[in-house]
Amino acid sequence: MSVLPLEDSADVPPFEQLRRQIASRASSGDLPPGTRLPTVRALAEQLGLANNTVAKTYRALEGDGVIVTEGRRGTFVASGSRAASEDAARAASTYAGRARRLGLGLAEAQRLLAERWEVR
């Protein structure tokens, strides 16, 4: 599995860039379930990151159900990664329905989502 280079000048920290990239690729099927990810050390070296940065990314992805670590066997894209995408689609439908009932237009609903997107 290859990882695309991260942007040094981006406002988004490397941890979040890597997390988003892997989650997005797993959700789209670009990284199919069962794909083995590089070890923390190997990926950190490849990207020029600290081991702890990659380990933090893997922990977050595992917490979200995107990847699974199987001890010494390694870390793999979880079989439920597409389920995460479907779950997000259901949440989006719920939000869209609620926003419409509150009388918000699409632009206002998107603005509110965008404001909260960067909140951690």
Protein backbone atom coordinates (compact mmCIF):
# COMPACT_ATOMS: atom_id res chain seq x y z
CA MET A 1 0.00 0.00 0.00
CA SER A 2 1.38 3.38 -0.93
CA VAL A 3 0.48 6.61 0.80
CA LEU A 4 0.31 9.91 -1.03
CA PRO A 5 2.72 12.59 0.17
CA LEU A 6 1.43 15.00 2.81
CA GLU A 7 1.47 18.76 2.34
CA ASP A 8 4.09 20.46 4.50
CA SER A 9 2.55 23.90 4.05
CA ALA A 10 -1.04 22.85 4.77
CA ASP A 11 -3.00 24.29 7.69
CA VAL A 12 -4.08 20.74 8.52
CA PRO A 13 -1.61 18.86 10.76
CA PRO A 14 0.12 15.76 9.31
CA PHE A 15 -1.80 13.46 11.68
CA GLU A 16 -5.13 14.70 10.33
CA GLN A 17 -3.97 14.68 6.69
CA LEU A 18 -2.93 11.04 7.03
CA ARG A 19 -6.09 10.07 8.91
CA ARG A 20 -8.30 11.68 6.27
CA GLN A 21 -6.36 10.10 3.41
CA ILE A 22 -6.57 6.56 4.75
CA ALA A 23 -10.22 6.90 5.83
CA SER A 24 -11.23 8.37 2.48
CA ARG A 25 -9.38 5.74 0.48
CA ALA A 26 -10.88 2.94 2.59
CA SER A 27 -14.37 4.39 2.20
CA SER A 28 -14.03 4.75 -1.57
CA GLY A 29 -12.72 1.22 -2.01
CA ASP A 30 -9.29 2.43 -3.17
CA LEU A 31 -8.00 0.54 -0.13
CA PRO A 32 -10.20 -2.55 -0.09
CA PRO A 33 -10.95 -4.45 3.13
CA GLY A 34 -8.02 -6.63 4.12
CA THR A 35 -5.39 -4.32 2.62
CA ARG A 36 -2.33 -4.46 4.85
CA LEU A 37 -1.03 -1.10 5.98
CA PRO A 38 2.67 -0.44 6.55
CA THR A 39 4.02 -0.70 10.07
CA VAL A 40 4.04 2.50 12.10
CA ARG A 41 7.80 2.73 11.78
CA ALA A 42 7.84 2.07 8.03
CA LEU A 43 5.11 4.61 7.28
CA ALA A 44 6.72 7.23 9.53
CA GLU A 45 9.99 6.78 7.70
CA GLN A 46 8.31 6.92 4.28
CA LEU A 47 6.52 10.17 5.12
CA GLY A 48 9.23 11.76 7.25
CA LEU A 49 7.00 11.81 10.33
CA ALA A 50 7.57 10.87 13.94
CA ASN A 51 6.54 7.33 14.86
CA ASN A 52 4.12 8.76 17.44
CA THR A 53 2.31 10.76 14.75
CA VAL A 54 1.60 7.64 12.70
CA ALA A 55 0.72 5.64 15.83
CA LYS A 56 -1.78 8.35 16.83
CA THR A 57 -3.29 8.21 13.34
CA TYR A 58 -3.63 4.43 13.46
CA ARG A 59 -5.27 4.61 16.94
CA ALA A 60 -7.79 7.17 15.68
CA LEU A 61 -8.59 5.09 12.59
CA GLU A 62 -8.95 1.97 14.68
CA GLY A 63 -11.29 3.82 17.04
CA ASP A 64 -13.39 4.82 14.05
CA GLY A 65 -13.50 1.23 12.79
CA VAL A 66 -11.59 2.02 9.60
CA ILE A 67 -8.65 -0.25 10.38
CA VAL A 68 -7.97 -3.20 12.64
CA THR A 69 -4.70 -4.23 14.25
CA GLU A 70 -4.10 -7.93 14.55
CA GLY A 71 -1.05 -8.01 16.80
CA ARG A 72 2.06 -9.27 15.07
CA ARG A 73 0.12 -10.01 11.87
CA GLY A 74 -0.14 -6.29 11.20
CA THR A 75 -2.69 -3.57 10.58
CA PHE A 76 -5.38 -3.96 7.94
CA VAL A 77 -8.28 -2.03 6.43
CA ALA A 78 -11.34 -3.26 8.29
CA SER A 79 -14.11 -5.07 6.48
CA GLY A 80 -16.64 -2.55 7.78
CA SER A 81 -15.03 0.51 6.16
CA ARG A 82 -17.87 0.81 3.66
CA ALA A 83 -20.28 0.61 6.59
CA ALA A 84 -18.72 3.81 7.94
CA SER A 85 -19.53 5.54 4.66
CA GLU A 86 -23.10 4.29 4.83
CA ASP A 87 -23.36 5.46 8.44
CA ALA A 88 -22.16 8.91 7.40
CA ALA A 89 -24.75 8.97 4.60
CA ARG A 90 -27.51 8.21 7.12
CA ALA A 91 -26.24 10.97 9.41
CA ALA A 92 -26.20 13.39 6.46
CA SER A 93 -29.80 12.47 5.62
CA THR A 94 -30.84 13.08 9.20
CA TYR A 95 -29.07 16.44 9.26
CA ALA A 96 -30.51 17.52 5.91
CA GLY A 97 -34.05 16.64 7.02
CA ARG A 98 -33.66 18.49 10.32
CA ALA A 99 -32.15 21.56 8.61
CA ARG A 100 -35.07 21.69 6.15
CA ARG A 101 -37.61 21.39 9.01
CA LEU A 102 -35.87 24.32 10.71
CA GLY A 103 -36.28 26.37 7.54
CA LEU A 104 -32.60 26.48 6.60
CA GLY A 105 -31.52 26.59 3.00
CA LEU A 106 -28.74 24.42 1.60
CA ALA A 107 -26.18 27.23 1.74
CA GLU A 108 -26.88 27.92 5.43
CA ALA A 109 -26.81 24.22 6.33
CA GLN A 110 -23.47 23.82 4.51
CA ARG A 111 -22.08 26.92 6.25
CA LEU A 112 -23.01 25.51 9.66
CA LEU A 113 -21.44 22.17 8.83
CA ALA A 114 -18.29 23.83 7.51
CA GLU A 115 -17.95 25.89 10.71
CA ARG A 116 -18.11 22.77 12.82
CA TRP A 117 -15.99 20.63 10.53
CA GLU A 118 -12.73 21.96 11.96
CA VAL A 119 -13.93 21.85 15.58
CA ARG A 120 -12.27 18.96 17.36
